[in-house]
Amino acid sequence: MAFPGESLTRNGLAIKETMKAPHKMILGNTGDALGYFIPSDEWQTGKNDNYEETVSLGKTAGDTARDKINALVTADNANF
């Protein structure tokens, strides 16, 4: 799966859980580099002085991207 930015680990793990393919891989910064994709419950926790949030599309971008990608993966799972 290609991700258009840098996803935090929990988003990637949720996507991999949805995948049924025998080999699972998520590539970041593919197609574009839209910043960090942060799960909303990790938004502005103070880690790294909230650096990731300063280069993110917003609080819901991580959840939205993860959910849309999971929908694509679920549709593709019929092939496995």
N, C-alpha and C. Protein backbone atom coordinates (compact mmCIF):
# COMPACT_ATOMS: atom_id res chain seq x y z
N MET A 1 0.85 -1.16 0.00
CA MET A 1 0.00 0.00 0.00
C MET A 1 0.90 1.22 0.00
N ALA A 2 0.55 2.19 -0.78
CA ALA A 2 1.30 3.45 -0.86
C ALA A 2 0.57 4.52 -0.07
N PHE A 3 1.31 5.24 0.73
CA PHE A 3 0.75 6.29 1.59
C PHE A 3 1.35 7.63 1.16
N PRO A 4 0.53 8.66 0.98
CA PRO A 4 1.02 9.93 0.43
C PRO A 4 1.68 10.85 1.45
N GLY A 5 2.32 10.28 2.42
CA GLY A 5 2.99 11.07 3.46
C GLY A 5 3.60 10.11 4.46
N GLU A 6 3.86 10.61 5.66
CA GLU A 6 4.42 9.77 6.72
C GLU A 6 3.33 9.48 7.73
N SER A 7 2.94 8.23 7.79
CA SER A 7 1.90 7.82 8.73
C SER A 7 2.55 7.37 10.03
N LEU A 8 1.93 7.74 11.14
CA LEU A 8 2.41 7.24 12.41
C LEU A 8 2.10 5.75 12.52
N THR A 9 2.82 5.06 13.35
CA THR A 9 2.80 3.60 13.42
C THR A 9 1.41 3.02 13.58
N ARG A 10 0.59 3.57 14.45
CA ARG A 10 -0.72 2.97 14.71
C ARG A 10 -1.60 2.94 13.46
N ASN A 11 -1.51 3.95 12.61
CA ASN A 11 -2.27 3.93 11.36
C ASN A 11 -1.80 2.78 10.48
N GLY A 12 -0.50 2.61 10.37
CA GLY A 12 0.06 1.54 9.56
C GLY A 12 -0.32 0.17 10.08
N LEU A 13 -0.30 -0.01 11.39
CA LEU A 13 -0.68 -1.30 11.97
C LEU A 13 -2.15 -1.61 11.70
N ALA A 14 -3.00 -0.60 11.78
CA ALA A 14 -4.43 -0.80 11.50
C ALA A 14 -4.65 -1.20 10.04
N ILE A 15 -3.89 -0.61 9.15
CA ILE A 15 -4.01 -0.96 7.74
C ILE A 15 -3.51 -2.38 7.51
N LYS A 16 -2.39 -2.74 8.11
CA LYS A 16 -1.85 -4.09 7.94
C LYS A 16 -2.80 -5.15 8.49
N GLU A 17 -3.51 -4.83 9.57
CA GLU A 17 -4.48 -5.78 10.12
C GLU A 17 -5.60 -6.08 9.13
N THR A 18 -5.94 -5.11 8.30
CA THR A 18 -7.01 -5.27 7.32
C THR A 18 -6.55 -6.10 6.13
N MET A 19 -5.26 -6.07 5.83
CA MET A 19 -4.73 -6.77 4.66
C MET A 19 -4.78 -8.29 4.84
N LYS A 20 -5.17 -8.98 3.79
CA LYS A 20 -5.18 -10.45 3.80
C LYS A 20 -4.08 -11.04 2.94
N ALA A 21 -3.35 -10.19 2.23
CA ALA A 21 -2.27 -10.67 1.37
C ALA A 21 -1.20 -11.34 2.24
N PRO A 22 -0.48 -12.32 1.69
CA PRO A 22 0.55 -13.00 2.47
C PRO A 22 1.73 -12.09 2.82
N HIS A 23 1.98 -11.11 1.99
CA HIS A 23 3.07 -10.16 2.26
C HIS A 23 2.47 -8.77 2.37
N LYS A 24 2.78 -8.06 3.46
CA LYS A 24 2.17 -6.77 3.73
C LYS A 24 3.25 -5.70 3.83
N MET A 25 3.05 -4.60 3.11
CA MET A 25 4.03 -3.52 3.14
C MET A 25 3.30 -2.19 2.93
N ILE A 26 3.74 -1.19 3.67
CA ILE A 26 3.22 0.16 3.50
C ILE A 26 4.41 1.05 3.19
N LEU A 27 4.32 1.76 2.07
CA LEU A 27 5.38 2.67 1.66
C LEU A 27 4.93 4.10 1.91
N GLY A 28 5.76 4.87 2.58
CA GLY A 28 5.43 6.26 2.87
C GLY A 28 6.00 7.21 1.84
N ASN A 29 5.43 8.41 1.80
CA ASN A 29 5.86 9.47 0.88
C ASN A 29 5.85 9.00 -0.57
N THR A 30 4.84 8.23 -0.93
CA THR A 30 4.73 7.75 -2.31
C THR A 30 3.64 8.53 -3.02
N GLY A 31 3.95 9.03 -4.18
CA GLY A 31 3.00 9.82 -4.92
C GLY A 31 2.97 11.28 -4.49
N ASP A 32 3.29 11.52 -3.25
CA ASP A 32 3.33 12.87 -2.71
C ASP A 32 3.92 12.81 -1.30
N ALA A 33 4.24 13.96 -0.76
CA ALA A 33 4.74 14.06 0.61
C ALA A 33 3.89 15.10 1.32
N LEU A 34 2.71 14.68 1.76
CA LEU A 34 1.74 15.61 2.33
C LEU A 34 1.91 15.83 3.82
N GLY A 35 3.00 15.41 4.38
CA GLY A 35 3.25 15.62 5.81
C GLY A 35 2.94 14.37 6.62
N TYR A 36 2.77 14.59 7.92
CA TYR A 36 2.50 13.49 8.84
C TYR A 36 1.01 13.21 8.92
N PHE A 37 0.66 11.92 9.04
CA PHE A 37 -0.72 11.50 9.22
C PHE A 37 -0.80 10.89 10.62
N ILE A 38 -1.43 11.63 11.50
CA ILE A 38 -1.44 11.33 12.93
C ILE A 38 -2.84 10.86 13.33
N PRO A 39 -2.96 9.74 14.06
CA PRO A 39 -4.27 9.37 14.59
C PRO A 39 -4.79 10.50 15.47
N SER A 40 -6.09 10.79 15.39
CA SER A 40 -6.63 11.94 16.11
C SER A 40 -6.44 11.85 17.62
N ASP A 41 -6.42 10.64 18.16
CA ASP A 41 -6.22 10.54 19.61
C ASP A 41 -4.76 10.72 20.03
N GLU A 42 -3.87 10.85 19.06
CA GLU A 42 -2.46 11.16 19.36
C GLU A 42 -2.14 12.63 19.04
N TRP A 43 -3.13 13.38 18.61
CA TRP A 43 -2.92 14.77 18.21
C TRP A 43 -2.52 15.63 19.41
N GLN A 44 -1.44 16.34 19.27
CA GLN A 44 -0.90 17.28 20.25
C GLN A 44 -0.78 16.68 21.66
N THR A 45 -0.05 15.58 21.72
CA THR A 45 0.22 14.95 23.01
C THR A 45 1.48 15.53 23.65
N GLY A 46 2.16 16.40 22.93
CA GLY A 46 3.37 17.02 23.46
C GLY A 46 4.65 16.31 23.07
N LYS A 47 4.53 15.14 22.44
CA LYS A 47 5.73 14.42 22.02
C LYS A 47 6.44 15.22 20.93
N ASN A 48 7.74 15.28 21.00
CA ASN A 48 8.55 16.00 20.01
C ASN A 48 8.10 17.45 19.86
N ASP A 49 7.63 18.05 20.94
CA ASP A 49 7.14 19.44 20.91
C ASP A 49 6.06 19.62 19.84
N ASN A 50 5.28 18.58 19.59
CA ASN A 50 4.20 18.60 18.59
C ASN A 50 4.69 18.94 17.20
N TYR A 51 5.93 18.57 16.90
CA TYR A 51 6.50 18.87 15.59
C TYR A 51 5.67 18.28 14.46
N GLU A 52 5.26 17.01 14.59
CA GLU A 52 4.52 16.35 13.52
C GLU A 52 3.24 17.12 13.17
N GLU A 53 2.59 17.68 14.18
CA GLU A 53 1.36 18.42 13.94
C GLU A 53 1.60 19.68 13.11
N THR A 54 2.78 20.25 13.21
CA THR A 54 3.06 21.47 12.44
C THR A 54 3.22 21.19 10.95
N VAL A 55 3.47 19.95 10.59
CA VAL A 55 3.60 19.58 9.18
C VAL A 55 2.58 18.48 8.83
N SER A 56 1.36 18.68 9.31
CA SER A 56 0.27 17.76 9.05
C SER A 56 -0.87 18.51 8.37
N LEU A 57 -1.74 17.77 7.70
CA LEU A 57 -2.91 18.38 7.06
C LEU A 57 -4.03 18.67 8.06
N GLY A 58 -3.88 18.23 9.29
CA GLY A 58 -4.89 18.51 10.31
C GLY A 58 -5.20 17.31 11.17
N LYS A 59 -5.97 17.57 12.21
CA LYS A 59 -6.26 16.55 13.23
C LYS A 59 -6.94 15.31 12.67
N THR A 60 -7.78 15.44 11.68
CA THR A 60 -8.53 14.28 11.18
C THR A 60 -7.89 13.63 9.95
N ALA A 61 -6.82 14.20 9.44
CA ALA A 61 -6.19 13.68 8.21
C ALA A 61 -5.73 12.23 8.38
N GLY A 62 -5.13 11.91 9.51
CA GLY A 62 -4.64 10.55 9.72
C GLY A 62 -5.76 9.53 9.76
N ASP A 63 -6.84 9.85 10.50
CA ASP A 63 -7.98 8.95 10.59
C ASP A 63 -8.66 8.79 9.24
N THR A 64 -8.84 9.90 8.54
CA THR A 64 -9.51 9.86 7.24
C THR A 64 -8.72 9.03 6.23
N ALA A 65 -7.42 9.28 6.15
CA ALA A 65 -6.58 8.53 5.21
C ALA A 65 -6.58 7.05 5.55
N ARG A 66 -6.42 6.72 6.83
CA ARG A 66 -6.43 5.32 7.26
C ARG A 66 -7.74 4.64 6.89
N ASP A 67 -8.86 5.30 7.14
CA ASP A 67 -10.16 4.70 6.86
C ASP A 67 -10.38 4.52 5.36
N LYS A 68 -9.98 5.49 4.55
CA LYS A 68 -10.12 5.38 3.09
C LYS A 68 -9.23 4.27 2.54
N ILE A 69 -8.01 4.18 3.05
CA ILE A 69 -7.10 3.12 2.61
C ILE A 69 -7.63 1.76 3.03
N ASN A 70 -8.16 1.67 4.25
CA ASN A 70 -8.73 0.39 4.70
C ASN A 70 -9.90 -0.04 3.82
N ALA A 71 -10.69 0.92 3.34
CA ALA A 71 -11.79 0.59 2.44
C ALA A 71 -11.26 0.02 1.13
N LEU A 72 -10.18 0.61 0.62
CA LEU A 72 -9.56 0.08 -0.61
C LEU A 72 -9.00 -1.33 -0.39
N VAL A 73 -8.35 -1.51 0.76
CA VAL A 73 -7.78 -2.82 1.07
C VAL A 73 -8.88 -3.87 1.20
N THR A 74 -9.96 -3.51 1.87
CA THR A 74 -11.08 -4.45 2.05
C THR A 74 -11.65 -4.85 0.70
N ALA A 75 -11.79 -3.90 -0.21
CA ALA A 75 -12.30 -4.22 -1.55
C ALA A 75 -11.33 -5.14 -2.29
N ASP A 76 -10.04 -4.97 -2.07
CA ASP A 76 -9.04 -5.79 -2.75
C ASP A 76 -8.90 -7.17 -2.10
N ASN A 77 -9.31 -7.31 -0.86
CA ASN A 77 -9.17 -8.59 -0.15
C ASN A 77 -9.92 -9.72 -0.85
N ALA A 78 -10.88 -9.40 -1.69
CA ALA A 78 -11.61 -10.44 -2.42
C ALA A 78 -10.70 -11.23 -3.34
N ASN A 79 -9.53 -10.65 -3.65
CA ASN A 79 -8.58 -11.34 -4.52
C ASN A 79 -7.72 -12.36 -3.78
N PHE A 80 -7.88 -12.44 -2.46
CA PHE A 80 -7.04 -13.37 -1.67
C PHE A 80 -7.86 -14.39 -0.95
